[in-house]
Amino acid sequence: DEFPPLDSAELERALRIVAELEATMIVHAEDSDAIEHAPSAHGEN
């Protein structure tokens, strides 16, 4: 919980900052809405 995600607007803002700094943004790229609507993880299978 102490490392919350960025939404789309925050990601764009963050990338503009990163571009100004000539830095790199490394991204855990999985879409939250798609995973929220996928079957839930459960059980041994």
All heavy atoms as atom14 arrays in JSON, in Angstrom:
{
  "sequence": "DEFPPLDSAELERALRIVAELEATMIVHAEDSDAIEHAPSAHGEN",
  "atom14_mask": [
    [1, 1, 1, 1, 1, 1, 1, 1, 0, 0, 0, 0, 0, 0],
    [1, 1, 1, 1, 1, 1, 1, 1, 1, 0, 0, 0, 0, 0],
    [1, 1, 1, 1, 1, 1, 1, 1, 1, 1, 1, 0, 0, 0],
    [1, 1, 1, 1, 1, 1, 1, 0, 0, 0, 0, 0, 0, 0],
    [1, 1, 1, 1, 1, 1, 1, 0, 0, 0, 0, 0, 0, 0],
    [1, 1, 1, 1, 1, 1, 1, 1, 0, 0, 0, 0, 0, 0],
    [1, 1, 1, 1, 1, 1, 1, 1, 0, 0, 0, 0, 0, 0],
    [1, 1, 1, 1, 1, 1, 0, 0, 0, 0, 0, 0, 0, 0],
    [1, 1, 1, 1, 1, 0, 0, 0, 0, 0, 0, 0, 0, 0],
    [1, 1, 1, 1, 1, 1, 1, 1, 1, 0, 0, 0, 0, 0],
    [1, 1, 1, 1, 1, 1, 1, 1, 0, 0, 0, 0, 0, 0],
    [1, 1, 1, 1, 1, 1, 1, 1, 1, 0, 0, 0, 0, 0],
    [1, 1, 1, 1, 1, 1, 1, 1, 1, 1, 1, 0, 0, 0],
    [1, 1, 1, 1, 1, 0, 0, 0, 0, 0, 0, 0, 0, 0],
    [1, 1, 1, 1, 1, 1, 1, 1, 0, 0, 0, 0, 0, 0],
    [1, 1, 1, 1, 1, 1, 1, 1, 1, 1, 1, 0, 0, 0],
    [1, 1, 1, 1, 1, 1, 1, 1, 0, 0, 0, 0, 0, 0],
    [1, 1, 1, 1, 1, 1, 1, 0, 0, 0, 0, 0, 0, 0],
    [1, 1, 1, 1, 1, 0, 0, 0, 0, 0, 0, 0, 0, 0],
    [1, 1, 1, 1, 1, 1, 1, 1, 1, 0, 0, 0, 0, 0],
    [1, 1, 1, 1, 1, 1, 1, 1, 0, 0, 0, 0, 0, 0],
    [1, 1, 1, 1, 1, 1, 1, 1, 1, 0, 0, 0, 0, 0],
    [1, 1, 1, 1, 1, 0, 0, 0, 0, 0, 0, 0, 0, 0],
    [1, 1, 1, 1, 1, 1, 1, 0, 0, 0, 0, 0, 0, 0],
    [1, 1, 1, 1, 1, 1, 1, 1, 0, 0, 0, 0, 0, 0],
    [1, 1, 1, 1, 1, 1, 1, 1, 0, 0, 0, 0, 0, 0],
    [1, 1, 1, 1, 1, 1, 1, 0, 0, 0, 0, 0, 0, 0],
    [1, 1, 1, 1, 1, 1, 1, 1, 1, 1, 0, 0, 0, 0],
    [1, 1, 1, 1, 1, 0, 0, 0, 0, 0, 0, 0, 0, 0],
    [1, 1, 1, 1, 1, 1, 1, 1, 1, 0, 0, 0, 0, 0],
    [1, 1, 1, 1, 1, 1, 1, 1, 0, 0, 0, 0, 0, 0],
    [1, 1, 1, 1, 1, 1, 0, 0, 0, 0, 0, 0, 0, 0],
    [1, 1, 1, 1, 1, 1, 1, 1, 0, 0, 0, 0, 0, 0],
    [1, 1, 1, 1, 1, 0, 0, 0, 0, 0, 0, 0, 0, 0],
    [1, 1, 1, 1, 1, 1, 1, 1, 0, 0, 0, 0, 0, 0],
    [1, 1, 1, 1, 1, 1, 1, 1, 1, 0, 0, 0, 0, 0],
    [1, 1, 1, 1, 1, 1, 1, 1, 1, 1, 0, 0, 0, 0],
    [1, 1, 1, 1, 1, 0, 0, 0, 0, 0, 0, 0, 0, 0],
    [1, 1, 1, 1, 1, 1, 1, 0, 0, 0, 0, 0, 0, 0],
    [1, 1, 1, 1, 1, 1, 0, 0, 0, 0, 0, 0, 0, 0],
    [1, 1, 1, 1, 1, 0, 0, 0, 0, 0, 0, 0, 0, 0],
    [1, 1, 1, 1, 1, 1, 1, 1, 1, 1, 0, 0, 0, 0],
    [1, 1, 1, 1, 0, 0, 0, 0, 0, 0, 0, 0, 0, 0],
    [1, 1, 1, 1, 1, 1, 1, 1, 1, 0, 0, 0, 0, 0],
    [1, 1, 1, 1, 1, 1, 1, 1, 0, 0, 0, 0, 0, 0]
  ],
  "atom14_positions": [
    [[0.8, -1.22, 0.0], [0.0, 0.0, 0.0], [0.83, 1.27, 0.0], [0.37, 2.32, -0.46], [-0.93, 0.0, 1.22], [-2.01, -1.06, 1.13], [-2.31, -1.52, 0.01], [-2.55, -1.45, 2.19], [0.0, 0.0, 0.0], [0.0, 0.0, 0.0], [0.0, 0.0, 0.0], [0.0, 0.0, 0.0], [0.0, 0.0, 0.0], [0.0, 0.0, 0.0]],
    [[2.07, 1.18, 0.51], [2.89, 2.4, 0.63], [3.54, 2.82, -0.69], [4.26, 3.83, -0.73], [3.96, 2.21, 1.71], [5.03, 1.19, 1.39], [4.67, -0.23, 1.79], [3.52, -0.47, 2.25], [5.55, -1.11, 1.66], [0.0, 0.0, 0.0], [0.0, 0.0, 0.0], [0.0, 0.0, 0.0], [0.0, 0.0, 0.0], [0.0, 0.0, 0.0]],
    [[3.28, 2.07, -1.76], [3.82, 2.43, -3.07], [2.68, 2.45, -4.07], [2.52, 1.56, -4.9], [4.91, 1.42, -3.49], [5.86, 1.94, -4.54], [7.03, 2.57, -4.17], [5.59, 1.78, -5.89], [7.92, 3.05, -5.13], [6.46, 2.25, -6.86], [7.63, 2.89, -6.48], [0.0, 0.0, 0.0], [0.0, 0.0, 0.0], [0.0, 0.0, 0.0]],
    [[1.81, 3.5, -4.01], [0.59, 3.53, -4.83], [0.89, 3.82, -6.3], [1.89, 4.46, -6.65], [-0.22, 4.66, -4.2], [0.79, 5.55, -3.56], [1.88, 4.64, -3.07], [0.0, 0.0, 0.0], [0.0, 0.0, 0.0], [0.0, 0.0, 0.0], [0.0, 0.0, 0.0], [0.0, 0.0, 0.0], [0.0, 0.0, 0.0], [0.0, 0.0, 0.0]],
    [[0.01, 3.35, -7.19], [0.23, 3.51, -8.63], [-0.08, 4.91, -9.12], [-0.69, 5.73, -8.43], [-0.74, 2.49, -9.24], [-1.85, 2.42, -8.24], [-1.2, 2.57, -6.89], [0.0, 0.0, 0.0], [0.0, 0.0, 0.0], [0.0, 0.0, 0.0], [0.0, 0.0, 0.0], [0.0, 0.0, 0.0], [0.0, 0.0, 0.0], [0.0, 0.0, 0.0]],
    [[0.33, 5.17, -10.36], [-0.02, 6.4, -11.06], [-1.21, 6.15, -11.97], [-1.28, 5.1, -12.62], [1.16, 6.89, -11.92], [2.48, 7.21, -11.2], [3.52, 7.63, -12.22], [2.3, 8.26, -10.13], [0.0, 0.0, 0.0], [0.0, 0.0, 0.0], [0.0, 0.0, 0.0], [0.0, 0.0, 0.0], [0.0, 0.0, 0.0], [0.0, 0.0, 0.0]],
    [[-2.13, 7.12, -12.03], [-3.17, 7.03, -13.04], [-2.64, 7.65, -14.34], [-1.5, 8.12, -14.4], [-4.47, 7.67, -12.57], [-4.34, 9.17, -12.29], [-3.45, 9.84, -12.88], [-5.14, 9.7, -11.48], [0.0, 0.0, 0.0], [0.0, 0.0, 0.0], [0.0, 0.0, 0.0], [0.0, 0.0, 0.0], [0.0, 0.0, 0.0], [0.0, 0.0, 0.0]],
    [[-3.47, 7.66, -15.37], [-2.99, 8.09, -16.69], [-2.5, 9.53, -16.68], [-1.45, 9.86, -17.27], [-4.1, 7.94, -17.72], [-4.43, 6.57, -17.9], [0.0, 0.0, 0.0], [0.0, 0.0, 0.0], [0.0, 0.0, 0.0], [0.0, 0.0, 0.0], [0.0, 0.0, 0.0], [0.0, 0.0, 0.0], [0.0, 0.0, 0.0], [0.0, 0.0, 0.0]],
    [[-3.24, 10.42, -16.02], [-2.84, 11.83, -15.99], [-1.53, 12.01, -15.21], [-0.66, 12.79, -15.62], [-3.95, 12.67, -15.36], [0.0, 0.0, 0.0], [0.0, 0.0, 0.0], [0.0, 0.0, 0.0], [0.0, 0.0, 0.0], [0.0, 0.0, 0.0], [0.0, 0.0, 0.0], [0.0, 0.0, 0.0], [0.0, 0.0, 0.0], [0.0, 0.0, 0.0]],
    [[-1.4, 11.28, -14.1], [-0.17, 11.38, -13.32], [1.01, 10.81, -14.1], [2.13, 11.35, -14.04], [-0.33, 10.63, -12.0], [-1.27, 11.29, -11.02], [-1.56, 10.39, -9.82], [-1.76, 9.18, -10.02], [-1.59, 10.92, -8.7], [0.0, 0.0, 0.0], [0.0, 0.0, 0.0], [0.0, 0.0, 0.0], [0.0, 0.0, 0.0], [0.0, 0.0, 0.0]],
    [[0.78, 9.73, -14.83], [1.86, 9.15, -15.62], [2.34, 10.14, -16.67], [3.56, 10.32, -16.87], [1.4, 7.85, -16.29], [2.42, 7.18, -17.21], [3.68, 6.79, -16.45], [1.81, 5.95, -17.88], [0.0, 0.0, 0.0], [0.0, 0.0, 0.0], [0.0, 0.0, 0.0], [0.0, 0.0, 0.0], [0.0, 0.0, 0.0], [0.0, 0.0, 0.0]],
    [[1.41, 10.82, -17.35], [1.83, 11.8, -18.35], [2.61, 12.94, -17.7], [3.66, 13.36, -18.22], [0.62, 12.36, -19.1], [1.03, 13.36, -20.16], [-0.1, 13.76, -21.08], [-1.2, 13.19, -20.97], [0.13, 14.65, -21.93], [0.0, 0.0, 0.0], [0.0, 0.0, 0.0], [0.0, 0.0, 0.0], [0.0, 0.0, 0.0], [0.0, 0.0, 0.0]],
    [[2.16, 13.42, -16.56], [2.88, 14.48, -15.87], [4.27, 14.0, -15.45], [5.27, 14.71, -15.62], [2.1, 14.95, -14.64], [2.79, 16.09, -13.91], [2.11, 16.48, -12.62], [3.0, 17.32, -11.82], [2.99, 17.39, -10.5], [2.12, 16.65, -9.81], [3.83, 18.16, -9.86], [0.0, 0.0, 0.0], [0.0, 0.0, 0.0], [0.0, 0.0, 0.0]],
    [[4.33, 12.79, -14.9], [5.62, 12.25, -14.47], [6.57, 12.11, -15.66], [7.77, 12.43, -15.54], [5.42, 10.89, -13.8], [0.0, 0.0, 0.0], [0.0, 0.0, 0.0], [0.0, 0.0, 0.0], [0.0, 0.0, 0.0], [0.0, 0.0, 0.0], [0.0, 0.0, 0.0], [0.0, 0.0, 0.0], [0.0, 0.0, 0.0], [0.0, 0.0, 0.0]],
    [[6.06, 11.68, -16.8], [6.92, 11.51, -17.97], [7.42, 12.86, -18.49], [8.55, 12.96, -19.0], [6.18, 10.76, -19.06], [5.97, 9.26, -18.8], [5.17, 8.63, -19.93], [7.28, 8.53, -18.62], [0.0, 0.0, 0.0], [0.0, 0.0, 0.0], [0.0, 0.0, 0.0], [0.0, 0.0, 0.0], [0.0, 0.0, 0.0], [0.0, 0.0, 0.0]],
    [[6.63, 13.91, -18.35], [7.11, 15.23, -18.76], [8.26, 15.68, -17.85], [9.24, 16.29, -18.31], [5.97, 16.24, -18.76], [4.92, 15.93, -19.83], [3.95, 17.06, -20.07], [2.94, 16.67, -21.06], [3.13, 16.64, -22.37], [4.3, 17.01, -22.86], [2.17, 16.27, -23.19], [0.0, 0.0, 0.0], [0.0, 0.0, 0.0], [0.0, 0.0, 0.0]],
    [[8.15, 15.38, -16.56], [9.25, 15.7, -15.64], [10.49, 14.89, -16.0], [11.61, 15.41, -16.05], [8.81, 15.43, -14.19], [7.67, 16.37, -13.79], [10.0, 15.58, -13.23], [7.02, 16.01, -12.46], [0.0, 0.0, 0.0], [0.0, 0.0, 0.0], [0.0, 0.0, 0.0], [0.0, 0.0, 0.0], [0.0, 0.0, 0.0], [0.0, 0.0, 0.0]],
    [[10.29, 13.61, -16.25], [11.4, 12.72, -16.6], [12.08, 13.2, -17.88], [13.32, 13.18, -17.98], [10.88, 11.27, -16.75], [11.89, 10.39, -17.45], [10.55, 10.69, -15.37], [0.0, 0.0, 0.0], [0.0, 0.0, 0.0], [0.0, 0.0, 0.0], [0.0, 0.0, 0.0], [0.0, 0.0, 0.0], [0.0, 0.0, 0.0], [0.0, 0.0, 0.0]],
    [[11.31, 13.65, -18.85], [11.89, 14.15, -20.09], [12.73, 15.39, -19.83], [13.83, 15.55, -20.39], [10.78, 14.46, -21.1], [0.0, 0.0, 0.0], [0.0, 0.0, 0.0], [0.0, 0.0, 0.0], [0.0, 0.0, 0.0], [0.0, 0.0, 0.0], [0.0, 0.0, 0.0], [0.0, 0.0, 0.0], [0.0, 0.0, 0.0], [0.0, 0.0, 0.0]],
    [[12.26, 16.3, -18.97], [13.03, 17.5, -18.63], [14.34, 17.14, -17.95], [15.37, 17.8, -18.17], [12.21, 18.39, -17.7], [11.01, 19.06, -18.36], [10.18, 19.83, -17.36], [10.6, 19.92, -16.18], [9.11, 20.35, -17.74], [0.0, 0.0, 0.0], [0.0, 0.0, 0.0], [0.0, 0.0, 0.0], [0.0, 0.0, 0.0], [0.0, 0.0, 0.0]],
    [[14.32, 16.1, -17.14], [15.52, 15.68, -16.4], [16.45, 14.82, -17.25], [17.56, 14.52, -16.81], [15.1, 14.89, -15.16], [14.32, 15.65, -14.08], [13.85, 14.69, -12.98], [15.15, 16.77, -13.48], [0.0, 0.0, 0.0], [0.0, 0.0, 0.0], [0.0, 0.0, 0.0], [0.0, 0.0, 0.0], [0.0, 0.0, 0.0], [0.0, 0.0, 0.0]],
    [[16.0, 14.41, -18.44], [16.73, 13.43, -19.26], [16.99, 12.16, -18.46], [18.08, 11.58, -18.5], [18.04, 14.01, -19.8], [17.89, 14.7, -21.14], [17.38, 13.75, -22.24], [17.93, 12.65, -22.38], [16.42, 14.13, -22.93], [0.0, 0.0, 0.0], [0.0, 0.0, 0.0], [0.0, 0.0, 0.0], [0.0, 0.0, 0.0], [0.0, 0.0, 0.0]],
    [[15.98, 11.74, -17.73], [16.04, 10.54, -16.91], [15.28, 9.42, -17.61], [14.88, 9.54, -18.77], [15.46, 10.82, -15.52], [0.0, 0.0, 0.0], [0.0, 0.0, 0.0], [0.0, 0.0, 0.0], [0.0, 0.0, 0.0], [0.0, 0.0, 0.0], [0.0, 0.0, 0.0], [0.0, 0.0, 0.0], [0.0, 0.0, 0.0], [0.0, 0.0, 0.0]],
    [[15.07, 8.31, -16.9], [14.35, 7.16, -17.43], [13.22, 6.78, -16.47], [13.43, 6.75, -15.26], [15.29, 5.95, -17.6], [16.34, 6.29, -18.49], [14.54, 4.74, -18.15], [0.0, 0.0, 0.0], [0.0, 0.0, 0.0], [0.0, 0.0, 0.0], [0.0, 0.0, 0.0], [0.0, 0.0, 0.0], [0.0, 0.0, 0.0], [0.0, 0.0, 0.0]],
    [[12.06, 6.5, -17.02], [10.95, 5.94, -16.25], [10.86, 4.45, -16.56], [10.71, 4.06, -17.72], [9.63, 6.62, -16.6], [8.43, 6.08, -15.81], [8.49, 6.5, -14.05], [7.86, 8.21, -14.13], [0.0, 0.0, 0.0], [0.0, 0.0, 0.0], [0.0, 0.0, 0.0], [0.0, 0.0, 0.0], [0.0, 0.0, 0.0], [0.0, 0.0, 0.0]],
    [[10.97, 3.63, -15.53], [10.83, 2.19, -15.7], [9.45, 1.81, -15.17], [9.04, 2.25, -14.1], [11.97, 1.43, -15.01], [11.96, 1.62, -13.5], [13.32, 1.88, -15.57], [13.01, 0.77, -12.76], [0.0, 0.0, 0.0], [0.0, 0.0, 0.0], [0.0, 0.0, 0.0], [0.0, 0.0, 0.0], [0.0, 0.0, 0.0], [0.0, 0.0, 0.0]],
    [[8.74, 1.0, -15.94], [7.3, 0.85, -15.71], [6.91, -0.62, -15.54], [7.22, -1.46, -16.4], [6.49, 1.45, -16.88], [4.99, 1.4, -16.55], [6.94, 2.87, -17.17], [0.0, 0.0, 0.0], [0.0, 0.0, 0.0], [0.0, 0.0, 0.0], [0.0, 0.0, 0.0], [0.0, 0.0, 0.0], [0.0, 0.0, 0.0], [0.0, 0.0, 0.0]],
    [[6.19, -0.9, -14.44], [5.47, -2.17, -14.31], [4.18, -1.99, -15.09], [3.25, -1.32, -14.64], [5.19, -2.5, -12.85], [4.5, -3.81, -12.66], [5.02, -4.82, -11.88], [3.32, -4.29, -13.15], [4.19, -5.86, -11.9], [3.14, -5.55, -12.67], [0.0, 0.0, 0.0], [0.0, 0.0, 0.0], [0.0, 0.0, 0.0], [0.0, 0.0, 0.0]],
    [[4.14, -2.59, -16.27], [3.07, -2.31, -17.23], [2.03, -3.43, -17.23], [2.14, -4.41, -17.96], [3.65, -2.11, -18.62], [0.0, 0.0, 0.0], [0.0, 0.0, 0.0], [0.0, 0.0, 0.0], [0.0, 0.0, 0.0], [0.0, 0.0, 0.0], [0.0, 0.0, 0.0], [0.0, 0.0, 0.0], [0.0, 0.0, 0.0], [0.0, 0.0, 0.0]],
    [[1.02, -3.28, -16.39], [-0.21, -4.08, -16.45], [-1.36, -3.12, -16.2], [-1.28, -2.28, -15.3], [-0.22, -5.2, -15.41], [0.75, -6.33, -15.67], [0.66, -7.41, -14.6], [1.17, -7.17, -13.48], [0.09, -8.47, -14.87], [0.0, 0.0, 0.0], [0.0, 0.0, 0.0], [0.0, 0.0, 0.0], [0.0, 0.0, 0.0], [0.0, 0.0, 0.0]],
    [[-2.39, -3.23, -16.99], [-3.51, -2.31, -16.91], [-4.43, -2.67, -15.75], [-4.93, -3.81, -15.66], [-4.29, -2.33, -18.22], [-5.43, -1.34, -18.24], [-5.18, -0.15, -18.47], [-6.59, -1.76, -17.98], [0.0, 0.0, 0.0], [0.0, 0.0, 0.0], [0.0, 0.0, 0.0], [0.0, 0.0, 0.0], [0.0, 0.0, 0.0], [0.0, 0.0, 0.0]],
    [[-4.67, -1.72, -14.86], [-5.44, -2.01, -13.64], [-6.89, -2.35, -13.95], [-7.47, -3.25, -13.33], [-5.38, -0.82, -12.68], [-5.9, 0.35, -13.28], [0.0, 0.0, 0.0], [0.0, 0.0, 0.0], [0.0, 0.0, 0.0], [0.0, 0.0, 0.0], [0.0, 0.0, 0.0], [0.0, 0.0, 0.0], [0.0, 0.0, 0.0], [0.0, 0.0, 0.0]],
    [[-7.49, -1.66, -14.91], [-8.9, -1.91, -15.23], [-9.07, -3.3, -15.84], [-10.0, -4.03, -15.5], [-9.41, -0.84, -16.19], [-10.91, -0.94, -16.4], [-11.65, -0.8, -15.42], [-11.33, -1.16, -17.56], [0.0, 0.0, 0.0], [0.0, 0.0, 0.0], [0.0, 0.0, 0.0], [0.0, 0.0, 0.0], [0.0, 0.0, 0.0], [0.0, 0.0, 0.0]],
    [[-8.16, -3.69, -16.72], [-8.24, -5.02, -17.33], [-8.1, -6.11, -16.28], [-8.82, -7.13, -16.32], [-7.16, -5.17, -18.4], [0.0, 0.0, 0.0], [0.0, 0.0, 0.0], [0.0, 0.0, 0.0], [0.0, 0.0, 0.0], [0.0, 0.0, 0.0], [0.0, 0.0, 0.0], [0.0, 0.0, 0.0], [0.0, 0.0, 0.0], [0.0, 0.0, 0.0]],
    [[-7.22, -5.91, -15.33], [-7.03, -6.94, -14.3], [-8.2, -6.95, -13.33], [-8.63, -8.02, -12.88], [-5.69, -6.7, -13.59], [-4.58, -6.99, -14.57], [-5.59, -7.49, -12.29], [-3.29, -7.45, -14.09], [0.0, 0.0, 0.0], [0.0, 0.0, 0.0], [0.0, 0.0, 0.0], [0.0, 0.0, 0.0], [0.0, 0.0, 0.0], [0.0, 0.0, 0.0]],
    [[-8.77, -5.78, -13.08], [-9.94, -5.73, -12.19], [-11.11, -6.51, -12.79], [-11.91, -7.11, -12.05], [-10.35, -4.27, -11.96], [-11.5, -4.11, -10.99], [-11.83, -2.64, -10.75], [-10.96, -1.79, -10.97], [-12.98, -2.38, -10.32], [0.0, 0.0, 0.0], [0.0, 0.0, 0.0], [0.0, 0.0, 0.0], [0.0, 0.0, 0.0], [0.0, 0.0, 0.0]],
    [[-11.21, -6.54, -14.1], [-12.32, -7.23, -14.76], [-11.97, -8.66, -15.18], [-12.81, -9.37, -15.74], [-12.79, -6.44, -15.98], [-13.54, -5.19, -15.61], [-12.9, -3.99, -15.34], [-14.86, -4.96, -15.43], [-13.8, -3.07, -15.03], [-15.0, -3.62, -15.08], [0.0, 0.0, 0.0], [0.0, 0.0, 0.0], [0.0, 0.0, 0.0], [0.0, 0.0, 0.0]],
    [[-10.74, -9.1, -14.9], [-10.36, -10.48, -15.17], [-10.85, -11.38, -14.03], [-11.2, -10.9, -12.95], [-8.84, -10.58, -15.3], [0.0, 0.0, 0.0], [0.0, 0.0, 0.0], [0.0, 0.0, 0.0], [0.0, 0.0, 0.0], [0.0, 0.0, 0.0], [0.0, 0.0, 0.0], [0.0, 0.0, 0.0], [0.0, 0.0, 0.0], [0.0, 0.0, 0.0]],
    [[-10.89, -12.69, -14.23], [-11.26, -13.59, -13.13], [-10.3, -13.41, -11.95], [-9.1, -13.15, -12.14], [-11.11, -14.98, -13.75], [-11.21, -14.76, -15.22], [-10.63, -13.41, -15.49], [0.0, 0.0, 0.0], [0.0, 0.0, 0.0], [0.0, 0.0, 0.0], [0.0, 0.0, 0.0], [0.0, 0.0, 0.0], [0.0, 0.0, 0.0], [0.0, 0.0, 0.0]],
    [[-10.8, -13.54, -10.75], [-9.95, -13.34, -9.58], [-9.01, -14.54, -9.41], [-9.34, -15.67, -9.77], [-10.8, -13.18, -8.32], [-11.58, -14.34, -8.1], [0.0, 0.0, 0.0], [0.0, 0.0, 0.0], [0.0, 0.0, 0.0], [0.0, 0.0, 0.0], [0.0, 0.0, 0.0], [0.0, 0.0, 0.0], [0.0, 0.0, 0.0], [0.0, 0.0, 0.0]],
    [[-7.84, -14.25, -8.87], [-6.87, -15.32, -8.58], [-7.33, -16.06, -7.34], [-7.67, -15.45, -6.32], [-5.49, -14.72, -8.36], [0.0, 0.0, 0.0], [0.0, 0.0, 0.0], [0.0, 0.0, 0.0], [0.0, 0.0, 0.0], [0.0, 0.0, 0.0], [0.0, 0.0, 0.0], [0.0, 0.0, 0.0], [0.0, 0.0, 0.0], [0.0, 0.0, 0.0]],
    [[-7.33, -17.39, -7.43], [-7.77, -18.18, -6.27], [-7.32, -19.62, -6.46], [-7.16, -20.1, -7.59], [-9.29, -18.14, -6.15], [-10.0, -18.77, -7.31], [-10.18, -18.11, -8.51], [-10.52, -20.01, -7.47], [-10.81, -18.93, -9.35], [-11.03, -20.08, -8.75], [0.0, 0.0, 0.0], [0.0, 0.0, 0.0], [0.0, 0.0, 0.0], [0.0, 0.0, 0.0]],
    [[-7.09, -20.29, -5.35], [-6.9, -21.72, -5.37], [-5.55, -22.19, -5.87], [-4.63, -21.42, -6.12], [0.0, 0.0, 0.0], [0.0, 0.0, 0.0], [0.0, 0.0, 0.0], [0.0, 0.0, 0.0], [0.0, 0.0, 0.0], [0.0, 0.0, 0.0], [0.0, 0.0, 0.0], [0.0, 0.0, 0.0], [0.0, 0.0, 0.0], [0.0, 0.0, 0.0]],
    [[-5.44, -23.5, -6.07], [-4.18, -24.15, -6.38], [-3.9, -24.26, -7.88], [-2.76, -24.54, -8.26], [-4.19, -25.58, -5.8], [-4.3, -25.64, -4.3], [-4.26, -27.07, -3.79], [-4.27, -28.0, -4.62], [-4.19, -27.25, -2.57], [0.0, 0.0, 0.0], [0.0, 0.0, 0.0], [0.0, 0.0, 0.0], [0.0, 0.0, 0.0], [0.0, 0.0, 0.0]],
    [[-4.9, -24.06, -8.71], [-4.72, -24.3, -10.15], [-3.98, -23.14, -10.8], [-4.47, -22.0, -10.79], [-6.08, -24.51, -10.81], [-5.95, -24.92, -12.26], [-5.79, -24.08, -13.13], [-5.99, -26.23, -12.52], [0.0, 0.0, 0.0], [0.0, 0.0, 0.0], [0.0, 0.0, 0.0], [0.0, 0.0, 0.0], [0.0, 0.0, 0.0], [0.0, 0.0, 0.0]]
  ]
}
